[in-house]
Amino acid sequence: MVIRALATELYRAQQIVHKLQDQFETAPLAQRDRLRHELKRAQAECDQLRRHLEARKEAPLNRRKF
C-alpha cells in the first residue's frame, strides 16, 4: 500500500514537472526566472519520491515462511 501511495505521488509530481516545462518554454523572459526555480523544486521533489519508491521496492519484506 505504501508503494502505491508513493507511485501516485511520483506520478503527480511528474505531471507538475511536465506542466512547468511546457510553461517555461512558452513563458516571456520576465517569468522564466520564477518558473526555473519552481521547475527545479518540482524536479527535486520528483527525484526524492523516485528514490523513496525504489528504496521501498528493494527493501526486503519481513514475512515469515511457513
PDB file of N, CA and C in Angstrom:
ATOM      1  N   MET A   1       0.821  -1.193   0.000  1.00  0.00           N
ATOM      2  CA  MET A   1       0.000   0.000   0.000  1.00  0.00           C
ATOM      3  C   MET A   1       0.867   1.259   0.000  1.00  0.00           C
ATOM      4  N   VAL A   2       1.967   1.236   0.736  1.00  0.00           N
ATOM      5  CA  VAL A   2       2.852   2.390   0.772  1.00  0.00           C
ATOM      6  C   VAL A   2       3.458   2.621  -0.608  1.00  0.00           C
ATOM      7  N   ILE A   3       3.797   1.549  -1.281  1.00  0.00           N
ATOM      8  CA  ILE A   3       4.385   1.670  -2.616  1.00  0.00           C
ATOM      9  C   ILE A   3       3.385   2.309  -3.574  1.00  0.00           C
ATOM     10  N   ARG A   4       2.141   1.929  -3.478  1.00  0.00           N
ATOM     11  CA  ARG A   4       1.115   2.505  -4.348  1.00  0.00           C
ATOM     12  C   ARG A   4       0.962   3.999  -4.092  1.00  0.00           C
ATOM     13  N   ALA A   5       0.978   4.401  -2.834  1.00  0.00           N
ATOM     14  CA  ALA A   5       0.853   5.818  -2.494  1.00  0.00           C
ATOM     15  C   ALA A   5       2.061   6.606  -3.012  1.00  0.00           C
ATOM     16  N   LEU A   6       3.248   6.041  -2.858  1.00  0.00           N
ATOM     17  CA  LEU A   6       4.450   6.706  -3.367  1.00  0.00           C
ATOM     18  C   LEU A   6       4.403   6.824  -4.890  1.00  0.00           C
ATOM     19  N   ALA A   7       3.949   5.771  -5.542  1.00  0.00           N
ATOM     20  CA  ALA A   7       3.852   5.793  -7.002  1.00  0.00           C
ATOM     21  C   ALA A   7       2.851   6.851  -7.460  1.00  0.00           C
ATOM     22  N   THR A   8       1.762   6.986  -6.748  1.00  0.00           N
ATOM     23  CA  THR A   8       0.767   8.005  -7.077  1.00  0.00           C
ATOM     24  C   THR A   8       1.343   9.399  -6.901  1.00  0.00           C
ATOM     25  N   GLU A   9       2.054   9.616  -5.817  1.00  0.00           N
ATOM     26  CA  GLU A   9       2.681  10.907  -5.575  1.00  0.00           C
ATOM     27  C   GLU A   9       3.749  11.201  -6.624  1.00  0.00           C
ATOM     28  N   LEU A  10       4.507  10.203  -7.006  1.00  0.00           N
ATOM     29  CA  LEU A  10       5.526  10.381  -8.034  1.00  0.00           C
ATOM     30  C   LEU A  10       4.872  10.760  -9.357  1.00  0.00           C
ATOM     31  N   TYR A  11       3.791  10.113  -9.707  1.00  0.00           N
ATOM     32  CA  TYR A  11       3.079  10.434 -10.941  1.00  0.00           C
ATOM     33  C   TYR A  11       2.591  11.877 -10.912  1.00  0.00           C
ATOM     34  N   ARG A  12       2.030  12.290  -9.778  1.00  0.00           N
ATOM     35  CA  ARG A  12       1.541  13.662  -9.621  1.00  0.00           C
ATOM     36  C   ARG A  12       2.695  14.650  -9.780  1.00  0.00           C
ATOM     37  N   ALA A  13       3.824  14.347  -9.158  1.00  0.00           N
ATOM     38  CA  ALA A  13       4.987  15.228  -9.238  1.00  0.00           C
ATOM     39  C   ALA A  13       5.515  15.303 -10.671  1.00  0.00           C
ATOM     40  N   GLN A  14       5.510  14.188 -11.386  1.00  0.00           N
ATOM     41  CA  GLN A  14       5.964  14.185 -12.775  1.00  0.00           C
ATOM     42  C   GLN A  14       5.053  15.035 -13.654  1.00  0.00           C
ATOM     43  N   GLN A  15       3.760  14.980 -13.390  1.00  0.00           N
ATOM     44  CA  GLN A  15       2.817  15.799 -14.149  1.00  0.00           C
ATOM     45  C   GLN A  15       3.094  17.284 -13.926  1.00  0.00           C
ATOM     46  N   ILE A  16       3.404  17.652 -12.695  1.00  0.00           N
ATOM     47  CA  ILE A  16       3.719  19.047 -12.383  1.00  0.00           C
ATOM     48  C   ILE A  16       4.997  19.472 -13.101  1.00  0.00           C
ATOM     49  N   VAL A  17       6.006  18.601 -13.113  1.00  0.00           N
ATOM     50  CA  VAL A  17       7.256  18.901 -13.812  1.00  0.00           C
ATOM     51  C   VAL A  17       6.988  19.125 -15.296  1.00  0.00           C
ATOM     52  N   HIS A  18       6.213  18.259 -15.918  1.00  0.00           N
ATOM     53  CA  HIS A  18       5.912  18.406 -17.345  1.00  0.00           C
ATOM     54  C   HIS A  18       5.143  19.709 -17.617  1.00  0.00           C
ATOM     55  N   LYS A  19       4.215  20.021 -16.746  1.00  0.00           N
ATOM     56  CA  LYS A  19       3.437  21.254 -16.899  1.00  0.00           C
ATOM     57  C   LYS A  19       4.351  22.474 -16.797  1.00  0.00           C
ATOM     58  N   LEU A  20       5.249  22.470 -15.808  1.00  0.00           N
ATOM     59  CA  LEU A  20       6.167  23.592 -15.646  1.00  0.00           C
ATOM     60  C   LEU A  20       7.143  23.700 -16.810  1.00  0.00           C
ATOM     61  N   GLN A  21       7.582  22.560 -17.343  1.00  0.00           N
ATOM     62  CA  GLN A  21       8.472  22.584 -18.507  1.00  0.00           C
ATOM     63  C   GLN A  21       7.775  23.226 -19.704  1.00  0.00           C
ATOM     64  N   ASP A  22       6.525  22.874 -19.914  1.00  0.00           N
ATOM     65  CA  ASP A  22       5.766  23.459 -21.013  1.00  0.00           C
ATOM     66  C   ASP A  22       5.576  24.958 -20.808  1.00  0.00           C
ATOM     67  N   GLN A  23       5.260  25.357 -19.586  1.00  0.00           N
ATOM     68  CA  GLN A  23       5.083  26.777 -19.289  1.00  0.00           C
ATOM     69  C   GLN A  23       6.389  27.540 -19.483  1.00  0.00           C
ATOM     70  N   PHE A  24       7.494  26.939 -19.067  1.00  0.00           N
ATOM     71  CA  PHE A  24       8.792  27.588 -19.186  1.00  0.00           C
ATOM     72  C   PHE A  24       9.154  27.849 -20.646  1.00  0.00           C
ATOM     73  N   GLU A  25       8.871  26.879 -21.492  1.00  0.00           N
ATOM     74  CA  GLU A  25       9.216  27.019 -22.907  1.00  0.00           C
ATOM     75  C   GLU A  25       8.471  28.154 -23.589  1.00  0.00           C
ATOM     76  N   THR A  26       7.256  28.430 -23.151  1.00  0.00           N
ATOM     77  CA  THR A  26       6.444  29.453 -23.807  1.00  0.00           C
ATOM     78  C   THR A  26       6.350  30.747 -23.010  1.00  0.00           C
ATOM     79  N   ALA A  27       6.987  30.803 -21.865  1.00  0.00           N
ATOM     80  CA  ALA A  27       6.863  31.973 -20.985  1.00  0.00           C
ATOM     81  C   ALA A  27       7.713  33.136 -21.489  1.00  0.00           C
ATOM     82  N   PRO A  28       7.229  34.338 -21.223  1.00  0.00           N
ATOM     83  CA  PRO A  28       8.062  35.511 -21.523  1.00  0.00           C
ATOM     84  C   PRO A  28       9.289  35.525 -20.611  1.00  0.00           C
ATOM     85  N   LEU A  29      10.319  36.234 -21.028  1.00  0.00           N
ATOM     86  CA  LEU A  29      11.563  36.266 -20.274  1.00  0.00           C
ATOM     87  C   LEU A  29      11.367  36.717 -18.830  1.00  0.00           C
ATOM     88  N   ALA A  30      10.433  37.598 -18.586  1.00  0.00           N
ATOM     89  CA  ALA A  30      10.210  38.123 -17.235  1.00  0.00           C
ATOM     90  C   ALA A  30       9.739  37.032 -16.270  1.00  0.00           C
ATOM     91  N   GLN A  31       9.088  36.005 -16.771  1.00  0.00           N
ATOM     92  CA  GLN A  31       8.557  34.947 -15.910  1.00  0.00           C
ATOM     93  C   GLN A  31       9.454  33.713 -15.855  1.00  0.00           C
ATOM     94  N   ARG A  32      10.429  33.643 -16.711  1.00  0.00           N
ATOM     95  CA  ARG A  32      11.254  32.436 -16.789  1.00  0.00           C
ATOM     96  C   ARG A  32      12.065  32.176 -15.521  1.00  0.00           C
ATOM     97  N   ASP A  33      12.549  33.219 -14.867  1.00  0.00           N
ATOM     98  CA  ASP A  33      13.349  33.018 -13.660  1.00  0.00           C
ATOM     99  C   ASP A  33      12.507  32.359 -12.570  1.00  0.00           C
ATOM    100  N   ARG A  34      11.282  32.843 -12.380  1.00  0.00           N
ATOM    101  CA  ARG A  34      10.378  32.254 -11.385  1.00  0.00           C
ATOM    102  C   ARG A  34      10.049  30.813 -11.742  1.00  0.00           C
ATOM    103  N   LEU A  35       9.750  30.567 -13.002  1.00  0.00           N
ATOM    104  CA  LEU A  35       9.423  29.219 -13.451  1.00  0.00           C
ATOM    105  C   LEU A  35      10.617  28.274 -13.333  1.00  0.00           C
ATOM    106  N   ARG A  36      11.828  28.793 -13.562  1.00  0.00           N
ATOM    107  CA  ARG A  36      13.032  27.970 -13.436  1.00  0.00           C
ATOM    108  C   ARG A  36      13.173  27.472 -11.995  1.00  0.00           C
ATOM    109  N   HIS A  37      12.919  28.360 -11.027  1.00  0.00           N
ATOM    110  CA  HIS A  37      13.007  27.960  -9.623  1.00  0.00           C
ATOM    111  C   HIS A  37      11.925  26.941  -9.264  1.00  0.00           C
ATOM    112  N   GLU A  38      10.722  27.169  -9.730  1.00  0.00           N
ATOM    113  CA  GLU A  38       9.630  26.217  -9.479  1.00  0.00           C
ATOM    114  C   GLU A  38       9.935  24.861 -10.103  1.00  0.00           C
ATOM    115  N   LEU A  39      10.490  24.888 -11.303  1.00  0.00           N
ATOM    116  CA  LEU A  39      10.813  23.652 -12.007  1.00  0.00           C
ATOM    117  C   LEU A  39      11.906  22.880 -11.271  1.00  0.00           C
ATOM    118  N   LYS A  40      12.923  23.561 -10.793  1.00  0.00           N
ATOM    119  CA  LYS A  40      13.990  22.891 -10.035  1.00  0.00           C
ATOM    120  C   LYS A  40      13.440  22.274  -8.760  1.00  0.00           C
ATOM    121  N   ARG A  41      12.561  22.982  -8.076  1.00  0.00           N
ATOM    122  CA  ARG A  41      11.955  22.459  -6.853  1.00  0.00           C
ATOM    123  C   ARG A  41      11.103  21.231  -7.157  1.00  0.00           C
ATOM    124  N   ALA A  42      10.326  21.295  -8.230  1.00  0.00           N
ATOM    125  CA  ALA A  42       9.467  20.174  -8.603  1.00  0.00           C
ATOM    126  C   ALA A  42      10.305  18.965  -9.029  1.00  0.00           C
ATOM    127  N   GLN A  43      11.408  19.208  -9.746  1.00  0.00           N
ATOM    128  CA  GLN A  43      12.276  18.110 -10.149  1.00  0.00           C
ATOM    129  C   GLN A  43      12.948  17.464  -8.931  1.00  0.00           C
ATOM    130  N   ALA A  44      13.327  18.278  -7.958  1.00  0.00           N
ATOM    131  CA  ALA A  44      13.933  17.735  -6.740  1.00  0.00           C
ATOM    132  C   ALA A  44      12.930  16.867  -5.989  1.00  0.00           C
ATOM    133  N   GLU A  45      11.681  17.315  -5.919  1.00  0.00           N
ATOM    134  CA  GLU A  45      10.647  16.514  -5.266  1.00  0.00           C
ATOM    135  C   GLU A  45      10.448  15.196  -6.010  1.00  0.00           C
ATOM    136  N   CYS A  46      10.453  15.267  -7.316  1.00  0.00           N
ATOM    137  CA  CYS A  46      10.304  14.063  -8.146  1.00  0.00           C
ATOM    138  C   CYS A  46      11.447  13.091  -7.874  1.00  0.00           C
ATOM    139  N   ASP A  47      12.653  13.595  -7.845  1.00  0.00           N
ATOM    140  CA  ASP A  47      13.820  12.744  -7.594  1.00  0.00           C
ATOM    141  C   ASP A  47      13.741  12.097  -6.212  1.00  0.00           C
ATOM    142  N   GLN A  48      13.325  12.872  -5.231  1.00  0.00           N
ATOM    143  CA  GLN A  48      13.206  12.342  -3.869  1.00  0.00           C
ATOM    144  C   GLN A  48      12.142  11.245  -3.800  1.00  0.00           C
ATOM    145  N   LEU A  49      11.013  11.474  -4.413  1.00  0.00           N
ATOM    146  CA  LEU A  49       9.958  10.457  -4.428  1.00  0.00           C
ATOM    147  C   LEU A  49      10.417   9.207  -5.159  1.00  0.00           C
ATOM    148  N   ARG A  50      11.139   9.390  -6.261  1.00  0.00           N
ATOM    149  CA  ARG A  50      11.646   8.243  -7.018  1.00  0.00           C
ATOM    150  C   ARG A  50      12.610   7.410  -6.167  1.00  0.00           C
ATOM    151  N   ARG A  51      13.491   8.095  -5.425  1.00  0.00           N
ATOM    152  CA  ARG A  51      14.428   7.378  -4.548  1.00  0.00           C
ATOM    153  C   ARG A  51      13.687   6.621  -3.446  1.00  0.00           C
ATOM    154  N   HIS A  52      12.673   7.267  -2.852  1.00  0.00           N
ATOM    155  CA  HIS A  52      11.893   6.585  -1.808  1.00  0.00           C
ATOM    156  C   HIS A  52      11.175   5.361  -2.368  1.00  0.00           C
ATOM    157  N   LEU A  53      10.607   5.512  -3.540  1.00  0.00           N
ATOM    158  CA  LEU A  53       9.888   4.411  -4.160  1.00  0.00           C
ATOM    159  C   LEU A  53      10.833   3.250  -4.454  1.00  0.00           C
ATOM    160  N   GLU A  54      11.987   3.553  -5.023  1.00  0.00           N
ATOM    161  CA  GLU A  54      12.964   2.498  -5.319  1.00  0.00           C
ATOM    162  C   GLU A  54      13.445   1.817  -4.042  1.00  0.00           C
ATOM    163  N   ALA A  55      13.650   2.590  -2.988  1.00  0.00           N
ATOM    164  CA  ALA A  55      14.086   2.008  -1.718  1.00  0.00           C
ATOM    165  C   ALA A  55      13.017   1.076  -1.156  1.00  0.00           C
ATOM    166  N   ARG A  56      11.768   1.452  -1.276  1.00  0.00           N
ATOM    167  CA  ARG A  56      10.678   0.599  -0.792  1.00  0.00           C
ATOM    168  C   ARG A  56      10.581  -0.683  -1.605  1.00  0.00           C
ATOM    169  N   LYS A  57      10.794  -0.575  -2.902  1.00  0.00           N
ATOM    170  CA  LYS A  57      10.698  -1.754  -3.750  1.00  0.00           C
ATOM    171  C   LYS A  57      11.848  -2.717  -3.488  1.00  0.00           C
ATOM    172  N   GLU A  58      13.013  -2.185  -3.126  1.00  0.00           N
ATOM    173  CA  GLU A  58      14.173  -3.027  -2.886  1.00  0.00           C
ATOM    174  C   GLU A  58      14.239  -3.565  -1.464  1.00  0.00           C
ATOM    175  N   ALA A  59      13.499  -2.963  -0.533  1.00  0.00           N
ATOM    176  CA  ALA A  59      13.547  -3.380   0.869  1.00  0.00           C
ATOM    177  C   ALA A  59      12.976  -4.788   1.000  1.00  0.00           C
ATOM    178  N   PRO A  60      13.652  -5.634   1.757  1.00  0.00           N
ATOM    179  CA  PRO A  60      13.119  -6.995   1.951  1.00  0.00           C
ATOM    180  C   PRO A  60      11.838  -6.956   2.778  1.00  0.00           C
ATOM    181  N   LEU A  61      10.950  -7.821   2.431  1.00  0.00           N
ATOM    182  CA  LEU A  61       9.708  -7.925   3.186  1.00  0.00           C
ATOM    183  C   LEU A  61       9.940  -8.781   4.437  1.00  0.00           C
ATOM    184  N   ASN A  62       9.429  -8.338   5.524  1.00  0.00           N
ATOM    185  CA  ASN A  62       9.578  -9.076   6.781  1.00  0.00           C
ATOM    186  C   ASN A  62       8.416 -10.038   6.952  1.00  0.00           C
ATOM    187  N   ARG A  63       8.402 -11.018   6.135  1.00  0.00           N
ATOM    188  CA  ARG A  63       7.328 -12.026   6.200  1.00  0.00           C
ATOM    189  C   ARG A  63       7.917 -13.347   6.624  1.00  0.00           C
ATOM    190  N   ARG A  64       7.167 -14.072   7.375  1.00  0.00           N
ATOM    191  CA  ARG A  64       7.598 -15.401   7.815  1.00  0.00           C
ATOM    192  C   ARG A  64       7.217 -16.442   6.767  1.00  0.00           C
ATOM    193  N   LYS A  65       8.098 -17.386   6.592  1.00  0.00           N
ATOM    194  CA  LYS A  65       7.772 -18.503   5.701  1.00  0.00           C
ATOM    195  C   LYS A  65       7.280 -19.658   6.556  1.00  0.00           C
ATOM    196  N   PHE A  66       6.181 -20.199   6.161  1.00  0.00           N
ATOM    197  CA  PHE A  66       5.598 -21.317   6.917  1.00  0.00           C
ATOM    198  C   PHE A  66       5.828 -22.603   6.211  1.00  0.00           C
TER     199      PHE A  66
END
